[in-house]
N, C-alpha and C. Protein backbone atom coordinates (compact mmCIF):
# COMPACT_ATOMS: atom_id res chain seq x y z
N MET A 1 -18.77 -16.02 -3.01
CA MET A 1 -18.93 -14.87 -3.87
C MET A 1 -20.36 -14.31 -3.74
N ARG A 2 -21.30 -15.18 -3.42
CA ARG A 2 -22.69 -14.74 -3.28
C ARG A 2 -22.82 -13.72 -2.15
N ILE A 3 -22.16 -13.96 -1.03
CA ILE A 3 -22.26 -13.04 0.11
C ILE A 3 -21.57 -11.72 -0.22
N VAL A 4 -20.43 -11.76 -0.87
CA VAL A 4 -19.71 -10.54 -1.22
C VAL A 4 -20.51 -9.73 -2.23
N SER A 5 -21.23 -10.39 -3.11
CA SER A 5 -22.00 -9.70 -4.15
C SER A 5 -23.29 -9.08 -3.65
N ASP A 6 -23.76 -9.48 -2.49
CA ASP A 6 -25.01 -8.96 -1.95
C ASP A 6 -24.77 -7.57 -1.34
N PRO A 7 -25.35 -6.50 -1.94
CA PRO A 7 -25.08 -5.16 -1.41
C PRO A 7 -25.65 -4.91 -0.01
N ARG A 8 -26.57 -5.77 0.43
CA ARG A 8 -27.14 -5.60 1.77
C ARG A 8 -26.23 -6.19 2.85
N THR A 9 -25.20 -6.93 2.44
CA THR A 9 -24.29 -7.58 3.39
C THR A 9 -22.88 -7.06 3.18
N PRO A 10 -22.48 -5.99 3.86
CA PRO A 10 -21.11 -5.52 3.69
C PRO A 10 -20.10 -6.51 4.27
N VAL A 11 -19.09 -6.81 3.48
CA VAL A 11 -18.03 -7.74 3.89
C VAL A 11 -16.76 -6.93 4.11
N PHE A 12 -16.00 -7.31 5.13
CA PHE A 12 -14.78 -6.59 5.47
C PHE A 12 -13.62 -7.58 5.61
N LEU A 13 -12.43 -7.09 5.27
CA LEU A 13 -11.19 -7.83 5.53
C LEU A 13 -10.48 -7.10 6.66
N THR A 14 -10.16 -7.83 7.72
CA THR A 14 -9.40 -7.28 8.83
C THR A 14 -8.03 -7.93 8.83
N VAL A 15 -6.99 -7.11 8.74
CA VAL A 15 -5.61 -7.58 8.81
C VAL A 15 -5.07 -7.14 10.16
N HIS A 16 -4.81 -8.10 11.03
CA HIS A 16 -4.33 -7.80 12.39
C HIS A 16 -2.84 -7.48 12.37
N ALA A 17 -2.36 -6.88 13.44
CA ALA A 17 -0.95 -6.45 13.54
C ALA A 17 0.01 -7.62 13.36
N ASP A 18 -0.40 -8.82 13.75
CA ASP A 18 0.48 -9.98 13.61
C ASP A 18 0.41 -10.61 12.20
N GLY A 19 -0.39 -10.00 11.29
CA GLY A 19 -0.49 -10.49 9.91
C GLY A 19 -1.68 -11.39 9.64
N ARG A 20 -2.40 -11.77 10.70
CA ARG A 20 -3.57 -12.64 10.51
C ARG A 20 -4.64 -11.89 9.74
N ARG A 21 -5.24 -12.58 8.76
CA ARG A 21 -6.28 -11.99 7.91
C ARG A 21 -7.61 -12.67 8.20
N ARG A 22 -8.69 -11.87 8.25
CA ARG A 22 -10.01 -12.44 8.51
C ARG A 22 -11.04 -11.68 7.68
N TYR A 23 -11.75 -12.41 6.83
CA TYR A 23 -12.88 -11.85 6.06
C TYR A 23 -14.14 -12.15 6.88
N SER A 24 -14.99 -11.13 7.03
CA SER A 24 -16.19 -11.36 7.83
C SER A 24 -17.30 -10.39 7.42
N TYR A 25 -18.49 -10.73 7.89
CA TYR A 25 -19.65 -9.85 7.68
C TYR A 25 -20.54 -9.95 8.91
N TRP A 26 -21.40 -8.96 9.09
CA TRP A 26 -22.33 -8.93 10.21
C TRP A 26 -23.60 -9.64 9.81
N GLN A 27 -24.00 -10.62 10.61
CA GLN A 27 -25.25 -11.34 10.37
C GLN A 27 -26.30 -10.77 11.31
N PRO A 28 -27.34 -10.12 10.75
CA PRO A 28 -28.37 -9.54 11.62
C PRO A 28 -29.18 -10.64 12.30
N PHE A 29 -29.83 -10.25 13.37
CA PHE A 29 -30.64 -11.20 14.13
C PHE A 29 -31.86 -11.61 13.31
N ASP A 30 -32.14 -12.91 13.28
CA ASP A 30 -33.31 -13.45 12.60
C ASP A 30 -34.25 -13.99 13.67
N PRO A 31 -35.39 -13.32 13.89
CA PRO A 31 -36.29 -13.77 14.95
C PRO A 31 -36.92 -15.13 14.68
N ASP A 32 -37.00 -15.53 13.41
CA ASP A 32 -37.57 -16.84 13.09
C ASP A 32 -36.68 -17.99 13.56
N THR A 33 -35.37 -17.82 13.42
CA THR A 33 -34.45 -18.89 13.82
C THR A 33 -33.82 -18.63 15.19
N GLY A 34 -33.90 -17.37 15.66
CA GLY A 34 -33.25 -17.05 16.93
C GLY A 34 -31.74 -16.96 16.80
N ARG A 35 -31.23 -16.86 15.58
CA ARG A 35 -29.79 -16.81 15.34
C ARG A 35 -29.40 -15.46 14.76
N GLY A 36 -28.14 -15.17 14.87
CA GLY A 36 -27.61 -13.95 14.26
C GLY A 36 -27.13 -12.98 15.30
N SER A 37 -27.06 -11.71 14.90
CA SER A 37 -26.56 -10.64 15.74
C SER A 37 -25.11 -10.90 16.14
N CYS A 38 -24.32 -11.31 15.11
CA CYS A 38 -22.92 -11.63 15.35
C CYS A 38 -22.13 -11.51 14.05
N TYR A 39 -20.81 -11.45 14.18
CA TYR A 39 -19.96 -11.48 12.99
C TYR A 39 -19.76 -12.92 12.56
N VAL A 40 -19.74 -13.12 11.25
CA VAL A 40 -19.54 -14.45 10.69
C VAL A 40 -18.27 -14.39 9.84
N ALA A 41 -17.36 -15.30 10.10
CA ALA A 41 -16.11 -15.35 9.34
C ALA A 41 -16.31 -16.14 8.06
N LEU A 42 -15.69 -15.67 6.99
CA LEU A 42 -15.69 -16.38 5.72
C LEU A 42 -14.37 -17.12 5.58
N PRO A 43 -14.32 -18.18 4.77
CA PRO A 43 -13.06 -18.92 4.59
C PRO A 43 -11.98 -18.02 4.00
N THR A 44 -10.91 -17.83 4.75
CA THR A 44 -9.84 -16.92 4.33
C THR A 44 -9.19 -17.40 3.04
N ALA A 45 -8.91 -18.67 2.90
CA ALA A 45 -8.26 -19.17 1.69
C ALA A 45 -9.11 -18.92 0.45
N ASP A 46 -10.41 -19.13 0.57
CA ASP A 46 -11.31 -18.91 -0.58
C ASP A 46 -11.36 -17.44 -0.95
N CYS A 47 -11.46 -16.56 0.05
CA CYS A 47 -11.52 -15.12 -0.22
C CYS A 47 -10.19 -14.61 -0.77
N ASP A 48 -9.06 -15.11 -0.25
CA ASP A 48 -7.76 -14.72 -0.80
C ASP A 48 -7.63 -15.17 -2.25
N ALA A 49 -8.18 -16.35 -2.58
CA ALA A 49 -8.15 -16.82 -3.97
C ALA A 49 -8.98 -15.91 -4.86
N LEU A 50 -10.13 -15.45 -4.37
CA LEU A 50 -10.95 -14.52 -5.15
C LEU A 50 -10.22 -13.19 -5.35
N HIS A 51 -9.51 -12.74 -4.32
CA HIS A 51 -8.75 -11.49 -4.43
C HIS A 51 -7.59 -11.66 -5.42
N PHE A 52 -6.89 -12.78 -5.35
CA PHE A 52 -5.77 -13.04 -6.26
C PHE A 52 -6.26 -13.13 -7.71
N ALA A 53 -7.47 -13.67 -7.92
CA ALA A 53 -8.03 -13.81 -9.26
C ALA A 53 -8.72 -12.53 -9.72
N ALA A 54 -8.63 -11.46 -8.95
CA ALA A 54 -9.23 -10.16 -9.26
C ALA A 54 -10.74 -10.23 -9.36
N ARG A 55 -11.37 -11.08 -8.56
CA ARG A 55 -12.83 -11.16 -8.52
C ARG A 55 -13.41 -10.26 -7.43
N ILE A 56 -12.57 -9.91 -6.43
CA ILE A 56 -12.98 -8.96 -5.40
C ILE A 56 -11.89 -7.89 -5.28
N SER A 57 -12.29 -6.71 -4.81
CA SER A 57 -11.32 -5.63 -4.60
C SER A 57 -11.46 -5.11 -3.17
N LEU A 58 -10.42 -4.45 -2.71
CA LEU A 58 -10.39 -3.91 -1.36
C LEU A 58 -10.53 -2.40 -1.43
N GLY A 59 -11.35 -1.85 -0.53
CA GLY A 59 -11.56 -0.41 -0.48
C GLY A 59 -10.44 0.28 0.29
N GLU A 60 -10.68 1.54 0.61
CA GLU A 60 -9.71 2.33 1.36
C GLU A 60 -9.52 1.74 2.75
N PRO A 61 -8.27 1.69 3.24
CA PRO A 61 -8.03 1.11 4.56
C PRO A 61 -8.45 2.05 5.69
N VAL A 62 -8.94 1.45 6.76
CA VAL A 62 -9.19 2.15 8.02
C VAL A 62 -8.18 1.56 8.99
N VAL A 63 -7.23 2.38 9.43
CA VAL A 63 -6.09 1.89 10.20
C VAL A 63 -6.21 2.30 11.65
N ASP A 64 -5.97 1.34 12.55
CA ASP A 64 -5.77 1.65 13.96
C ASP A 64 -4.56 0.84 14.41
N PRO A 65 -4.04 1.04 15.62
CA PRO A 65 -2.80 0.37 16.02
C PRO A 65 -2.84 -1.15 15.98
N ALA A 66 -3.99 -1.75 16.18
CA ALA A 66 -4.06 -3.21 16.28
C ALA A 66 -4.44 -3.89 14.96
N ARG A 67 -5.06 -3.13 14.04
CA ARG A 67 -5.53 -3.78 12.81
C ARG A 67 -5.82 -2.74 11.73
N THR A 68 -5.93 -3.26 10.50
CA THR A 68 -6.35 -2.46 9.35
C THR A 68 -7.56 -3.15 8.75
N THR A 69 -8.59 -2.38 8.46
CA THR A 69 -9.84 -2.95 7.94
C THR A 69 -10.11 -2.38 6.56
N TYR A 70 -10.52 -3.25 5.64
CA TYR A 70 -10.84 -2.88 4.28
C TYR A 70 -12.26 -3.33 3.96
N ARG A 71 -13.00 -2.57 3.20
CA ARG A 71 -14.29 -3.00 2.68
C ARG A 71 -14.01 -3.86 1.45
N VAL A 72 -14.69 -4.99 1.35
CA VAL A 72 -14.51 -5.92 0.24
C VAL A 72 -15.70 -5.77 -0.69
N ARG A 73 -15.41 -5.62 -1.99
CA ARG A 73 -16.47 -5.49 -2.98
C ARG A 73 -16.18 -6.40 -4.17
N PRO A 74 -17.22 -6.87 -4.82
CA PRO A 74 -16.98 -7.67 -6.03
C PRO A 74 -16.50 -6.77 -7.16
N VAL A 75 -15.70 -7.34 -8.03
CA VAL A 75 -15.24 -6.62 -9.21
C VAL A 75 -16.24 -6.90 -10.31
N ARG A 76 -16.76 -5.85 -10.88
CA ARG A 76 -17.71 -6.00 -11.98
C ARG A 76 -16.93 -6.31 -13.25
N THR A 77 -17.17 -7.48 -13.77
CA THR A 77 -16.49 -7.86 -15.01
C THR A 77 -17.32 -7.37 -16.19
N PRO A 78 -16.66 -6.82 -17.20
CA PRO A 78 -17.41 -6.36 -18.35
C PRO A 78 -18.03 -7.54 -19.09
N ALA A 79 -19.15 -7.28 -19.71
CA ALA A 79 -19.82 -8.33 -20.47
C ALA A 79 -18.94 -8.76 -21.63
N ALA A 80 -19.02 -10.03 -21.95
CA ALA A 80 -18.25 -10.55 -23.07
C ALA A 80 -18.77 -9.93 -24.37
N PRO A 81 -17.86 -9.57 -25.26
CA PRO A 81 -18.32 -8.98 -26.51
C PRO A 81 -19.11 -9.99 -27.34
N ILE A 82 -20.09 -9.48 -28.04
CA ILE A 82 -20.90 -10.35 -28.89
C ILE A 82 -20.14 -10.58 -30.18
N PRO A 83 -19.95 -11.84 -30.55
CA PRO A 83 -19.21 -12.08 -31.79
C PRO A 83 -20.02 -11.60 -33.00
N VAL A 84 -19.35 -10.93 -33.88
CA VAL A 84 -20.00 -10.41 -35.08
C VAL A 84 -19.44 -11.16 -36.28
N ARG A 85 -20.36 -11.68 -37.09
CA ARG A 85 -19.90 -12.38 -38.29
C ARG A 85 -19.42 -11.36 -39.30
N PRO A 86 -18.30 -11.67 -39.95
CA PRO A 86 -17.83 -10.72 -40.98
C PRO A 86 -18.82 -10.68 -42.15
N VAL A 87 -18.94 -9.50 -42.72
CA VAL A 87 -19.83 -9.32 -43.86
C VAL A 87 -19.12 -9.83 -45.10
N ARG A 88 -19.80 -10.68 -45.83
CA ARG A 88 -19.21 -11.23 -47.04
C ARG A 88 -19.63 -10.35 -48.20
N THR A 89 -18.66 -9.88 -48.90
CA THR A 89 -18.98 -9.04 -50.06
C THR A 89 -19.03 -9.90 -51.30
N VAL A 90 -19.98 -9.63 -52.12
CA VAL A 90 -20.15 -10.35 -53.39
C VAL A 90 -19.67 -9.44 -54.51
N PRO A 91 -18.74 -9.93 -55.32
CA PRO A 91 -18.25 -9.06 -56.41
C PRO A 91 -19.37 -8.74 -57.39
N GLN A 92 -19.42 -7.52 -57.86
CA GLN A 92 -20.43 -7.10 -58.82
C GLN A 92 -20.04 -7.57 -60.22
N ARG A 93 -21.03 -7.96 -60.98
CA ARG A 93 -20.76 -8.37 -62.37
C ARG A 93 -20.62 -7.13 -63.23
N ALA A 94 -19.76 -7.23 -64.17
CA ALA A 94 -19.57 -6.12 -65.11
C ALA A 94 -20.77 -6.06 -66.04
N ARG A 95 -21.26 -4.89 -66.29
CA ARG A 95 -22.40 -4.71 -67.20
C ARG A 95 -21.90 -4.66 -68.64
N VAL A 96 -22.64 -5.33 -69.46
CA VAL A 96 -22.31 -5.31 -70.89
C VAL A 96 -23.21 -4.26 -71.54
N ALA A 97 -22.57 -3.37 -72.27
CA ALA A 97 -23.34 -2.30 -72.89
C ALA A 97 -23.73 -2.60 -74.29
């Protein structure tokens, strides 16, 4: 979920013509480690579970004959409501005249 939530790292779901699904993102080259400049696959089962639990959503499809690609974004969950204590009313005493 951390990678999907990072706006600097766009994540995509590719659904191939044979039904195979692959979640991936582009890893830029890191000159310090000498690694990167490639696509990195994310665990499909974990991402499908996030999609089923409505934690991620799929954008508009880009379709070509061999595959369909969707942009994956996190679903912003609304903040939990703050519990409010009920106001206790105190009965007023009758005034004696």
